Amino acid sequence: MAKTPKEPKLEHSDFSGEFEDDGVTVLVDIHRPAGTNGDWTLEVISQTEVVTTWEDKFPTDLEAWEEFLATAERDGVRSFLDEDEPLVH
Protein backbone atom coordinates (compact mmCIF):
# COMPACT_ATOMS: atom_id res chain seq x y z
CA MET A 1 0.00 0.00 0.00
CA ALA A 2 1.54 3.29 -1.11
CA LYS A 3 1.58 6.21 1.26
CA THR A 4 0.24 9.46 -0.05
CA PRO A 5 2.24 12.55 0.83
CA LYS A 6 0.60 14.61 3.52
CA GLU A 7 -0.35 18.20 2.89
CA PRO A 8 2.10 20.44 4.70
CA LYS A 9 0.63 22.01 7.82
CA LEU A 10 0.18 25.74 7.55
CA GLU A 11 0.31 28.53 10.08
CA HIS A 12 -2.35 31.11 9.29
CA SER A 13 -1.89 34.78 10.11
CA ASP A 14 -4.24 36.62 12.44
CA PHE A 15 -4.83 38.92 9.43
CA SER A 16 -6.47 36.05 7.52
CA GLY A 17 -10.25 36.06 7.26
CA GLU A 18 -13.19 37.46 5.38
CA PHE A 19 -12.96 40.93 3.90
CA GLU A 20 -16.06 42.73 2.66
CA ASP A 21 -16.17 45.87 0.55
CA ASP A 22 -18.63 47.26 -2.00
CA GLY A 23 -20.97 44.32 -1.38
CA VAL A 24 -18.28 41.78 -2.26
CA THR A 25 -16.82 39.35 0.28
CA VAL A 26 -13.49 37.58 -0.29
CA LEU A 27 -11.41 35.34 1.93
CA VAL A 28 -7.89 36.62 2.58
CA ASP A 29 -5.51 33.77 3.43
CA ILE A 30 -2.03 34.69 4.65
CA HIS A 31 -0.01 31.61 5.57
CA ARG A 32 3.40 29.96 5.80
CA PRO A 33 4.64 26.45 6.61
CA ALA A 34 3.91 25.70 10.27
CA GLY A 35 6.84 25.73 12.67
CA THR A 36 9.04 27.86 10.42
CA ASN A 37 10.09 31.46 10.21
CA GLY A 38 9.55 31.33 6.45
CA ASP A 39 8.05 34.05 4.32
CA TRP A 40 4.29 34.48 4.13
CA THR A 41 2.10 33.62 1.13
CA LEU A 42 -0.87 35.83 0.25
CA GLU A 43 -3.96 34.37 -1.40
CA VAL A 44 -7.41 35.81 -1.98
CA ILE A 45 -10.32 33.44 -2.61
CA SER A 46 -13.57 34.74 -4.08
CA GLN A 47 -17.04 33.40 -3.27
CA THR A 48 -16.89 31.49 -6.57
CA GLU A 49 -13.54 29.99 -5.50
CA VAL A 50 -11.38 31.97 -7.90
CA VAL A 51 -7.96 31.98 -6.20
CA THR A 52 -5.54 34.86 -6.65
CA THR A 53 -2.02 34.11 -5.40
CA TRP A 54 0.83 36.60 -5.23
CA GLU A 55 4.05 35.26 -6.76
CA ASP A 56 6.17 37.19 -4.28
CA LYS A 57 6.36 36.09 -0.67
CA PHE A 58 6.31 38.53 2.24
CA PRO A 59 8.77 38.71 5.17
CA THR A 60 5.91 39.50 7.59
CA ASP A 61 2.20 38.80 7.64
CA LEU A 62 1.59 42.52 8.15
CA GLU A 63 3.35 43.31 4.85
CA ALA A 64 1.16 40.73 3.10
CA TRP A 65 -1.97 42.27 4.64
CA GLU A 66 -0.88 45.78 3.62
CA GLU A 67 -0.28 44.56 0.06
CA PHE A 68 -3.79 43.11 -0.04
CA LEU A 69 -5.28 46.37 1.25
CA ALA A 70 -3.29 48.42 -1.28
CA THR A 71 -4.43 46.16 -4.13
CA ALA A 72 -8.07 46.28 -2.99
CA GLU A 73 -7.85 50.08 -2.72
CA ARG A 74 -6.17 50.47 -6.12
CA ASP A 75 -8.05 47.84 -8.16
CA GLY A 76 -11.20 47.27 -6.08
CA VAL A 77 -12.30 44.06 -4.41
CA ARG A 78 -14.20 43.14 -7.57
CA SER A 79 -10.83 42.67 -9.33
CA PHE A 80 -10.54 39.34 -7.48
CA LEU A 81 -13.73 38.01 -9.11
CA ASP A 82 -12.56 37.72 -12.73
CA GLU A 83 -12.99 34.03 -13.48
CA ASP A 84 -11.79 34.33 -17.06
CA GLU A 85 -8.28 35.41 -16.19
CA PRO A 86 -7.04 34.64 -12.67
CA LEU A 87 -4.74 37.37 -11.53
CA VAL A 88 -1.19 36.84 -10.41
CA HIS A 89 0.34 39.77 -8.59
PDB file of N, CA and C in Angstrom:
ATOM      1  N   MET A   1       0.844  -1.188   0.000  1.00  0.00           N
ATOM      2  CA  MET A   1       0.000   0.000   0.000  1.00  0.00           C
ATOM      3  C   MET A   1       0.882   1.241   0.000  1.00  0.00           C
ATOM      4  N   ALA A   2       0.710   2.087  -0.973  1.00  0.00           N
ATOM      5  CA  ALA A   2       1.537   3.292  -1.109  1.00  0.00           C
ATOM      6  C   ALA A   2       1.027   4.384  -0.187  1.00  0.00           C
ATOM      7  N   LYS A   3       1.961   5.070   0.417  1.00  0.00           N
ATOM      8  CA  LYS A   3       1.583   6.209   1.258  1.00  0.00           C
ATOM      9  C   LYS A   3       1.428   7.438   0.380  1.00  0.00           C
ATOM     10  N   THR A   4       0.405   8.211   0.677  1.00  0.00           N
ATOM     11  CA  THR A   4       0.238   9.463  -0.047  1.00  0.00           C
ATOM     12  C   THR A   4       0.902  10.564   0.760  1.00  0.00           C
ATOM     13  N   PRO A   5       1.588  11.471   0.073  1.00  0.00           N
ATOM     14  CA  PRO A   5       2.236  12.552   0.827  1.00  0.00           C
ATOM     15  C   PRO A   5       1.201  13.405   1.538  1.00  0.00           C
ATOM     16  N   LYS A   6       1.519  13.772   2.757  1.00  0.00           N
ATOM     17  CA  LYS A   6       0.602  14.611   3.524  1.00  0.00           C
ATOM     18  C   LYS A   6       0.740  16.055   3.077  1.00  0.00           C
ATOM     19  N   GLU A   7      -0.388  16.758   3.142  1.00  0.00           N
ATOM     20  CA  GLU A   7      -0.355  18.195   2.888  1.00  0.00           C
ATOM     21  C   GLU A   7       0.463  18.843   3.996  1.00  0.00           C
ATOM     22  N   PRO A   8       1.340  19.783   3.634  1.00  0.00           N
ATOM     23  CA  PRO A   8       2.095  20.442   4.698  1.00  0.00           C
ATOM     24  C   PRO A   8       1.161  21.240   5.605  1.00  0.00           C
ATOM     25  N   LYS A   9       1.437  21.219   6.885  1.00  0.00           N
ATOM     26  CA  LYS A   9       0.632  22.006   7.823  1.00  0.00           C
ATOM     27  C   LYS A   9       0.995  23.475   7.654  1.00  0.00           C
ATOM     28  N   LEU A  10      -0.028  24.316   7.747  1.00  0.00           N
ATOM     29  CA  LEU A  10       0.179  25.742   7.547  1.00  0.00           C
ATOM     30  C   LEU A  10      -0.138  26.513   8.821  1.00  0.00           C
ATOM     31  N   GLU A  11       0.600  27.564   9.024  1.00  0.00           N
ATOM     32  CA  GLU A  11       0.313  28.530  10.081  1.00  0.00           C
ATOM     33  C   GLU A  11      -0.391  29.702   9.412  1.00  0.00           C
ATOM     34  N   HIS A  12      -1.584  30.025   9.877  1.00  0.00           N
ATOM     35  CA  HIS A  12      -2.350  31.114   9.286  1.00  0.00           C
ATOM     36  C   HIS A  12      -2.192  32.369  10.127  1.00  0.00           C
ATOM     37  N   SER A  13      -2.035  33.485   9.451  1.00  0.00           N
ATOM     38  CA  SER A  13      -1.887  34.776  10.108  1.00  0.00           C
ATOM     39  C   SER A  13      -3.190  35.211  10.759  1.00  0.00           C
ATOM     40  N   ASP A  14      -3.056  36.014  11.815  1.00  0.00           N
ATOM     41  CA  ASP A  14      -4.237  36.618  12.438  1.00  0.00           C
ATOM     42  C   ASP A  14      -4.933  37.593  11.482  1.00  0.00           C
ATOM     43  N   PHE A  15      -4.235  38.014  10.420  1.00  0.00           N
ATOM     44  CA  PHE A  15      -4.834  38.918   9.431  1.00  0.00           C
ATOM     45  C   PHE A  15      -5.728  38.163   8.443  1.00  0.00           C
ATOM     46  N   SER A  16      -5.639  36.846   8.420  1.00  0.00           N
ATOM     47  CA  SER A  16      -6.472  36.046   7.517  1.00  0.00           C
ATOM     48  C   SER A  16      -7.936  36.122   7.942  1.00  0.00           C
ATOM     49  N   GLY A  17      -8.820  36.064   6.962  1.00  0.00           N
ATOM     50  CA  GLY A  17     -10.246  36.062   7.258  1.00  0.00           C
ATOM     51  C   GLY A  17     -11.038  36.704   6.146  1.00  0.00           C
ATOM     52  N   GLU A  18     -12.326  36.860   6.396  1.00  0.00           N
ATOM     53  CA  GLU A  18     -13.191  37.459   5.384  1.00  0.00           C
ATOM     54  C   GLU A  18     -12.989  38.968   5.341  1.00  0.00           C
ATOM     55  N   PHE A  19     -13.070  39.490   4.128  1.00  0.00           N
ATOM     56  CA  PHE A  19     -12.961  40.927   3.900  1.00  0.00           C
ATOM     57  C   PHE A  19     -14.122  41.311   3.003  1.00  0.00           C
ATOM     58  N   GLU A  20     -14.885  42.305   3.420  1.00  0.00           N
ATOM     59  CA  GLU A  20     -16.061  42.731   2.657  1.00  0.00           C
ATOM     60  C   GLU A  20     -15.919  44.201   2.284  1.00  0.00           C
ATOM     61  N   ASP A  21     -16.186  44.490   1.019  1.00  0.00           N
ATOM     62  CA  ASP A  21     -16.173  45.869   0.546  1.00  0.00           C
ATOM     63  C   ASP A  21     -17.051  45.950  -0.690  1.00  0.00           C
ATOM     64  N   ASP A  22     -17.802  47.019  -0.817  1.00  0.00           N
ATOM     65  CA  ASP A  22     -18.627  47.256  -1.997  1.00  0.00           C
ATOM     66  C   ASP A  22     -19.562  46.078  -2.281  1.00  0.00           C
ATOM     67  N   GLY A  23     -20.051  45.431  -1.209  1.00  0.00           N
ATOM     68  CA  GLY A  23     -20.975  44.321  -1.378  1.00  0.00           C
ATOM     69  C   GLY A  23     -20.329  43.025  -1.806  1.00  0.00           C
ATOM     70  N   VAL A  24     -19.014  42.975  -1.841  1.00  0.00           N
ATOM     71  CA  VAL A  24     -18.281  41.782  -2.257  1.00  0.00           C
ATOM     72  C   VAL A  24     -17.488  41.264  -1.060  1.00  0.00           C
ATOM     73  N   THR A  25     -17.583  39.961  -0.800  1.00  0.00           N
ATOM     74  CA  THR A  25     -16.818  39.350   0.279  1.00  0.00           C
ATOM     75  C   THR A  25     -15.801  38.391  -0.325  1.00  0.00           C
ATOM     76  N   VAL A  26     -14.554  38.497   0.116  1.00  0.00           N
ATOM     77  CA  VAL A  26     -13.493  37.575  -0.290  1.00  0.00           C
ATOM     78  C   VAL A  26     -12.833  37.032   0.977  1.00  0.00           C
ATOM     79  N   LEU A  27     -12.163  35.919   0.835  1.00  0.00           N
ATOM     80  CA  LEU A  27     -11.410  35.335   1.934  1.00  0.00           C
ATOM     81  C   LEU A  27      -9.933  35.639   1.701  1.00  0.00           C
ATOM     82  N   VAL A  28      -9.327  36.320   2.650  1.00  0.00           N
ATOM     83  CA  VAL A  28      -7.893  36.619   2.578  1.00  0.00           C
ATOM     84  C   VAL A  28      -7.182  35.542   3.391  1.00  0.00           C
ATOM     85  N   ASP A  29      -6.252  34.839   2.751  1.00  0.00           N
ATOM     86  CA  ASP A  29      -5.508  33.774   3.430  1.00  0.00           C
ATOM     87  C   ASP A  29      -4.022  34.108   3.369  1.00  0.00           C
ATOM     88  N   ILE A  30      -3.460  34.398   4.523  1.00  0.00           N
ATOM     89  CA  ILE A  30      -2.032  34.693   4.646  1.00  0.00           C
ATOM     90  C   ILE A  30      -1.451  33.554   5.476  1.00  0.00           C
ATOM     91  N   HIS A  31      -0.509  32.797   4.885  1.00  0.00           N
ATOM     92  CA  HIS A  31      -0.010  31.606   5.572  1.00  0.00           C
ATOM     93  C   HIS A  31       1.437  31.321   5.221  1.00  0.00           C
ATOM     94  N   ARG A  32       2.042  30.453   6.039  1.00  0.00           N
ATOM     95  CA  ARG A  32       3.399  29.956   5.803  1.00  0.00           C
ATOM     96  C   ARG A  32       3.470  28.555   6.398  1.00  0.00           C
ATOM     97  N   PRO A  33       4.514  27.795   6.026  1.00  0.00           N
ATOM     98  CA  PRO A  33       4.639  26.453   6.607  1.00  0.00           C
ATOM     99  C   PRO A  33       4.709  26.539   8.137  1.00  0.00           C
ATOM    100  N   ALA A  34       3.959  25.683   8.803  1.00  0.00           N
ATOM    101  CA  ALA A  34       3.909  25.697  10.271  1.00  0.00           C
ATOM    102  C   ALA A  34       5.280  25.361  10.848  1.00  0.00           C
ATOM    103  N   GLY A  35       5.597  26.015  11.962  1.00  0.00           N
ATOM    104  CA  GLY A  35       6.839  25.728  12.665  1.00  0.00           C
ATOM    105  C   GLY A  35       8.073  26.318  12.020  1.00  0.00           C
ATOM    106  N   THR A  36       7.886  27.241  11.085  1.00  0.00           N
ATOM    107  CA  THR A  36       9.040  27.860  10.422  1.00  0.00           C
ATOM    108  C   THR A  36       8.981  29.367  10.613  1.00  0.00           C
ATOM    109  N   ASN A  37      10.062  30.002  10.267  1.00  0.00           N
ATOM    110  CA  ASN A  37      10.094  31.462  10.208  1.00  0.00           C
ATOM    111  C   ASN A  37      10.124  31.896   8.745  1.00  0.00           C
ATOM    112  N   GLY A  38       9.544  31.058   7.880  1.00  0.00           N
ATOM    113  CA  GLY A  38       9.552  31.332   6.454  1.00  0.00           C
ATOM    114  C   GLY A  38       8.705  32.534   6.084  1.00  0.00           C
ATOM    115  N   ASP A  39       8.832  32.925   4.824  1.00  0.00           N
ATOM    116  CA  ASP A  39       8.047  34.053   4.321  1.00  0.00           C
ATOM    117  C   ASP A  39       6.587  33.649   4.190  1.00  0.00           C
ATOM    118  N   TRP A  40       5.739  34.663   4.162  1.00  0.00           N
ATOM    119  CA  TRP A  40       4.293  34.482   4.125  1.00  0.00           C
ATOM    120  C   TRP A  40       3.766  34.505   2.694  1.00  0.00           C
ATOM    121  N   THR A  41       2.791  33.664   2.411  1.00  0.00           N
ATOM    122  CA  THR A  41       2.100  33.616   1.127  1.00  0.00           C
ATOM    123  C   THR A  41       0.760  34.328   1.283  1.00  0.00           C
ATOM    124  N   LEU A  42       0.395  35.104   0.257  1.00  0.00           N
ATOM    125  CA  LEU A  42      -0.871  35.827   0.253  1.00  0.00           C
ATOM    126  C   LEU A  42      -1.759  35.265  -0.845  1.00  0.00           C
ATOM    127  N   GLU A  43      -2.963  34.840  -0.457  1.00  0.00           N
ATOM    128  CA  GLU A  43      -3.961  34.366  -1.401  1.00  0.00           C
ATOM    129  C   GLU A  43      -5.292  35.029  -1.086  1.00  0.00           C
ATOM    130  N   VAL A  44      -6.054  35.285  -2.141  1.00  0.00           N
ATOM    131  CA  VAL A  44      -7.413  35.806  -1.981  1.00  0.00           C
ATOM    132  C   VAL A  44      -8.336  34.853  -2.725  1.00  0.00           C
ATOM    133  N   ILE A  45      -9.377  34.386  -2.029  1.00  0.00           N
ATOM    134  CA  ILE A  45     -10.317  33.438  -2.606  1.00  0.00           C
ATOM    135  C   ILE A  45     -11.688  34.104  -2.683  1.00  0.00           C
ATOM    136  N   SER A  46     -12.258  34.120  -3.889  1.00  0.00           N
ATOM    137  CA  SER A  46     -13.573  34.741  -4.076  1.00  0.00           C
ATOM    138  C   SER A  46     -14.668  33.765  -3.667  1.00  0.00           C
ATOM    139  N   GLN A  47     -15.902  34.251  -3.622  1.00  0.00           N
ATOM    140  CA  GLN A  47     -17.044  33.404  -3.272  1.00  0.00           C
ATOM    141  C   GLN A  47     -17.261  32.306  -4.308  1.00  0.00           C
ATOM    142  N   THR A  48     -16.773  32.510  -5.532  1.00  0.00           N
ATOM    143  CA  THR A  48     -16.891  31.486  -6.569  1.00  0.00           C
ATOM    144  C   THR A  48     -15.611  30.662  -6.669  1.00  0.00           C
ATOM    145  N   GLU A  49     -14.767  30.768  -5.645  1.00  0.00           N
ATOM    146  CA  GLU A  49     -13.545  29.986  -5.504  1.00  0.00           C
ATOM    147  C   GLU A  49     -12.487  30.287  -6.553  1.00  0.00           C
ATOM    148  N   VAL A  50     -12.488  31.516  -7.069  1.00  0.00           N
ATOM    149  CA  VAL A  50     -11.377  31.970  -7.896  1.00  0.00           C
ATOM    150  C   VAL A  50     -10.259  32.349  -6.923  1.00  0.00           C
ATOM    151  N   VAL A  51      -9.077  31.742  -7.109  1.00  0.00           N
ATOM    152  CA  VAL A  51      -7.960  31.979  -6.197  1.00  0.00           C
ATOM    153  C   VAL A  51      -6.933  32.874  -6.872  1.00  0.00           C
ATOM    154  N   THR A  52      -6.592  33.961  -6.194  1.00  0.00           N
ATOM    155  CA  THR A  52      -5.535  34.861  -6.655  1.00  0.00           C
ATOM    156  C   THR A  52      -4.372  34.705  -5.688  1.00  0.00           C
ATOM    157  N   THR A  53      -3.209  34.325  -6.221  1.00  0.00           N
ATOM    158  CA  THR A  53      -2.020  34.112  -5.396  1.00  0.00           C
ATOM    159  C   THR A  53      -0.917  35.050  -5.851  1.00  0.00           C
ATOM    160  N   TRP A  54      -0.304  35.735  -4.913  1.00  0.00           N
ATOM    161  CA  TRP A  54       0.827  36.597  -5.228  1.00  0.00           C
ATOM    162  C   TRP A  54       2.059  35.721  -5.450  1.00  0.00           C
ATOM    163  N   GLU A  55       2.827  36.014  -6.495  1.00  0.00           N
ATOM    164  CA  GLU A  55       4.047  35.263  -6.764  1.00  0.00           C
ATOM    165  C   GLU A  55       5.098  35.551  -5.700  1.00  0.00           C
ATOM    166  N   ASP A  56       5.183  36.811  -5.284  1.00  0.00           N
ATOM    167  CA  ASP A  56       6.171  37.187  -4.279  1.00  0.00           C
ATOM    168  C   ASP A  56       5.702  36.781  -2.897  1.00  0.00           C
ATOM    169  N   LYS A  57       6.642  36.387  -2.077  1.00  0.00           N
ATOM    170  CA  LYS A  57       6.360  36.086  -0.667  1.00  0.00           C
ATOM    171  C   LYS A  57       6.661  37.343   0.153  1.00  0.00           C
ATOM    172  N   PHE A  58       6.179  37.352   1.388  1.00  0.00           N
ATOM    173  CA  PHE A  58       6.315  38.530   2.244  1.00  0.00           C
ATOM    174  C   PHE A  58       7.056  38.165   3.527  1.00  0.00           C
ATOM    175  N   PRO A  59       8.009  39.012   3.952  1.00  0.00           N
ATOM    176  CA  PRO A  59       8.770  38.715   5.170  1.00  0.00           C
ATOM    177  C   PRO A  59       7.902  38.691   6.426  1.00  0.00           C
ATOM    178  N   THR A  60       6.809  39.488   6.424  1.00  0.00           N
ATOM    179  CA  THR A  60       5.913  39.500   7.587  1.00  0.00           C
ATOM    180  C   THR A  60       4.471  39.389   7.106  1.00  0.00           C
ATOM    181  N   ASP A  61       3.615  38.892   7.994  1.00  0.00           N
ATOM    182  CA  ASP A  61       2.201  38.801   7.638  1.00  0.00           C
ATOM    183  C   ASP A  61       1.583  40.184   7.513  1.00  0.00           C
ATOM    184  N   LEU A  62       2.096  41.151   8.258  1.00  0.00           N
ATOM    185  CA  LEU A  62       1.590  42.523   8.148  1.00  0.00           C
ATOM    186  C   LEU A  62       1.865  43.090   6.756  1.00  0.00           C
ATOM    187  N   GLU A  63       3.042  42.824   6.209  1.00  0.00           N
ATOM    188  CA  GLU A  63       3.352  43.310   4.853  1.00  0.00           C
ATOM    189  C   GLU A  63       2.418  42.670   3.823  1.00  0.00           C
ATOM    190  N   ALA A  64       2.106  41.394   4.003  1.00  0.00           N
ATOM    191  CA  ALA A  64       1.164  40.727   3.095  1.00  0.00           C
ATOM    192  C   ALA A  64      -0.215  41.376   3.202  1.00  0.00           C
ATOM    193  N   TRP A  65      -0.667  41.635   4.415  1.00  0.00           N
ATOM    194  CA  TRP A  65      -1.972  42.269   4.641  1.00  0.00           C
ATOM    195  C   TRP A  65      -1.999  43.657   4.011  1.00  0.00           C
ATOM    196  N   GLU A  66      -0.940  44.424   4.198  1.00  0.00           N
ATOM    197  CA  GLU A  66      -0.885  45.776   3.624  1.00  0.00           C
ATOM    198  C   GLU A  66      -0.891  45.733   2.104  1.00  0.00           C
ATOM    199  N   GLU A  67      -0.249  44.720   1.514  1.00  0.00           N
ATOM    200  CA  GLU A  67      -0.277  44.560   0.059  1.00  0.00           C
ATOM    201  C   GLU A  67      -1.697  44.252  -0.413  1.00  0.00           C
ATOM    202  N   PHE A  68      -2.394  43.386   0.312  1.00  0.00           N
ATOM    203  CA  PHE A  68      -3.790  43.106  -0.039  1.00  0.00           C
ATOM    204  C   PHE A  68      -4.617  44.382   0.011  1.00  0.00           C
ATOM    205  N   LEU A  69      -4.501  45.136   1.107  1.00  0.00           N
ATOM    206  CA  LEU A  69      -5.280  46.371   1.254  1.00  0.00           C
ATOM    207  C   LEU A  69      -4.960  47.362   0.134  1.00  0.00           C
ATOM    208  N   ALA A  70      -3.688  47.495  -0.210  1.00  0.00           N
ATOM    209  CA  ALA A  70      -3.289  48.418  -1.275  1.00  0.00           C
ATOM    210  C   ALA A  70      -3.879  47.978  -2.616  1.00  0.00           C
ATOM    211  N   THR A  71      -3.870  46.680  -2.877  1.00  0.00           N
ATOM    212  CA  THR A  71      -4.428  46.163  -4.130  1.00  0.00           C
ATOM    213  C   THR A  71      -5.937  46.368  -4.160  1.00  0.00           C
ATOM    214  N   ALA A  72      -6.618  46.086  -3.047  1.00  0.00           N
ATOM    215  CA  ALA A  72      -8.070  46.277  -2.986  1.00  0.00           C
ATOM    216  C   ALA A  72      -8.425  47.752  -3.162  1.00  0.00           C
ATOM    217  N   GLU A  73      -7.615  48.634  -2.590  1.00  0.00           N
ATOM    218  CA  GLU A  73      -7.849  50.078  -2.720  1.00  0.00           C
ATOM    219  C   GLU A  73      -7.629  50.543  -4.163  1.00  0.00           C
ATOM    220  N   ARG A  74      -6.549  50.046  -4.771  1.00  0.00           N
ATOM    221  CA  ARG A  74      -6.175  50.471  -6.123  1.00  0.00           C
ATOM    222  C   ARG A  74      -7.092  49.868  -7.193  1.00  0.00           C
ATOM    223  N   ASP A  75      -7.339  48.558  -7.096  1.00  0.00           N
ATOM    224  CA  ASP A  75      -8.055  47.844  -8.159  1.00  0.00           C
ATOM    225  C   ASP A  75      -9.501  47.520  -7.806  1.00  0.00           C
ATOM    226  N   GLY A  76      -9.852  47.629  -6.535  1.00  0.00           N
ATOM    227  CA  GLY A  76     -11.197  47.267  -6.084  1.00  0.00           C
ATOM    228  C   GLY A  76     -11.288  45.786  -5.769  1.00  0.00           C
ATOM    229  N   VAL A  77     -12.135  45.455  -4.806  1.00  0.00           N
ATOM    230  CA  VAL A  77     -12.303  44.056  -4.410  1.00  0.00           C
ATOM    231  C   VAL A  77     -12.852  43.232  -5.563  1.00  0.00           C
ATOM    232  N   ARG A  78     -13.629  43.866  -6.421  1.00  0.00           N
ATOM    233  CA  ARG A  78     -14.197  43.140  -7.568  1.00  0.00           C
ATOM    234  C   ARG A  78     -13.118  42.606  -8.513  1.00  0.00           C
ATOM    235  N   SER A  79     -11.912  43.152  -8.450  1.00  0.00           N
ATOM    236  CA  SER A  79     -10.834  42.672  -9.326  1.00  0.00           C
ATOM    237  C   SER A  79     -10.467  41.221  -9.015  1.00  0.00           C
ATOM    238  N   PHE A  80     -10.840  40.724  -7.839  1.00  0.00           N
ATOM    239  CA  PHE A  80     -10.540  39.340  -7.477  1.00  0.00           C
ATOM    240  C   PHE A  80     -11.594  38.360  -7.973  1.00  0.00           C
ATOM    241  N   LEU A  81     -12.622  38.862  -8.687  1.00  0.00           N
ATOM    242  CA  LEU A  81     -13.734  38.015  -9.109  1.00  0.00           C
ATOM    243  C   LEU A  81     -13.644  37.558 -10.554  1.00  0.00           C
ATOM    244  N   ASP A  82     -12.652  38.021 -11.297  1.00  0.00           N
ATOM    245  CA  ASP A  82     -12.565  37.719 -12.726  1.00  0.00           C
ATOM    246  C   ASP A  82     -12.199  36.257 -12.937  1.00  0.00           C
ATOM    247  N   GLU A  83     -13.208  35.469 -13.299  1.00  0.00           N
ATOM    248  CA  GLU A  83     -12.994  34.029 -13.484  1.00  0.00           C
ATOM    249  C   GLU A  83     -12.285  33.712 -14.795  1.00  0.00           C
ATOM    250  N   ASP A  84     -12.374  34.611 -15.762  1.00  0.00           N
ATOM    251  CA  ASP A  84     -11.786  34.326 -17.064  1.00  0.00           C
ATOM    252  C   ASP A  84     -10.265  34.380 -17.032  1.00  0.00           C
ATOM    253  N   GLU A  85      -9.741  35.237 -16.219  1.00  0.00           N
ATOM    254  CA  GLU A  85      -8.285  35.413 -16.188  1.00  0.00           C
ATOM    255  C   GLU A  85      -7.823  35.598 -14.746  1.00  0.00           C
ATOM    256  N   PRO A  86      -7.515  34.490 -14.056  1.00  0.00           N
ATOM    257  CA  PRO A  86      -7.045  34.636 -12.670  1.00  0.00           C
ATOM    258  C   PRO A  86      -5.812  35.534 -12.603  1.00  0.00           C
ATOM    259  N   LEU A  87      -5.830  36.416 -11.646  1.00  0.00           N
ATOM    260  CA  LEU A  87      -4.744  37.372 -11.526  1.00  0.00           C
ATOM    261  C   LEU A  87      -3.579  36.785 -10.748  1.00  0.00           C
ATOM    262  N   VAL A  88      -2.390  37.149 -11.167  1.00  0.00           N
ATOM    263  CA  VAL A  88      -1.185  36.836 -10.406  1.00  0.00           C
ATOM    264  C   VAL A  88      -0.502  38.158 -10.160  1.00  0.00           C
ATOM    265  N   HIS A  89      -0.271  38.485  -8.924  1.00  0.00           N
ATOM    266  CA  HIS A  89       0.339  39.773  -8.587  1.00  0.00           C
ATOM    267  C   HIS A  89       1.800  39.582  -8.284  1.00  0.00           C
TER     268      HIS A  89
END
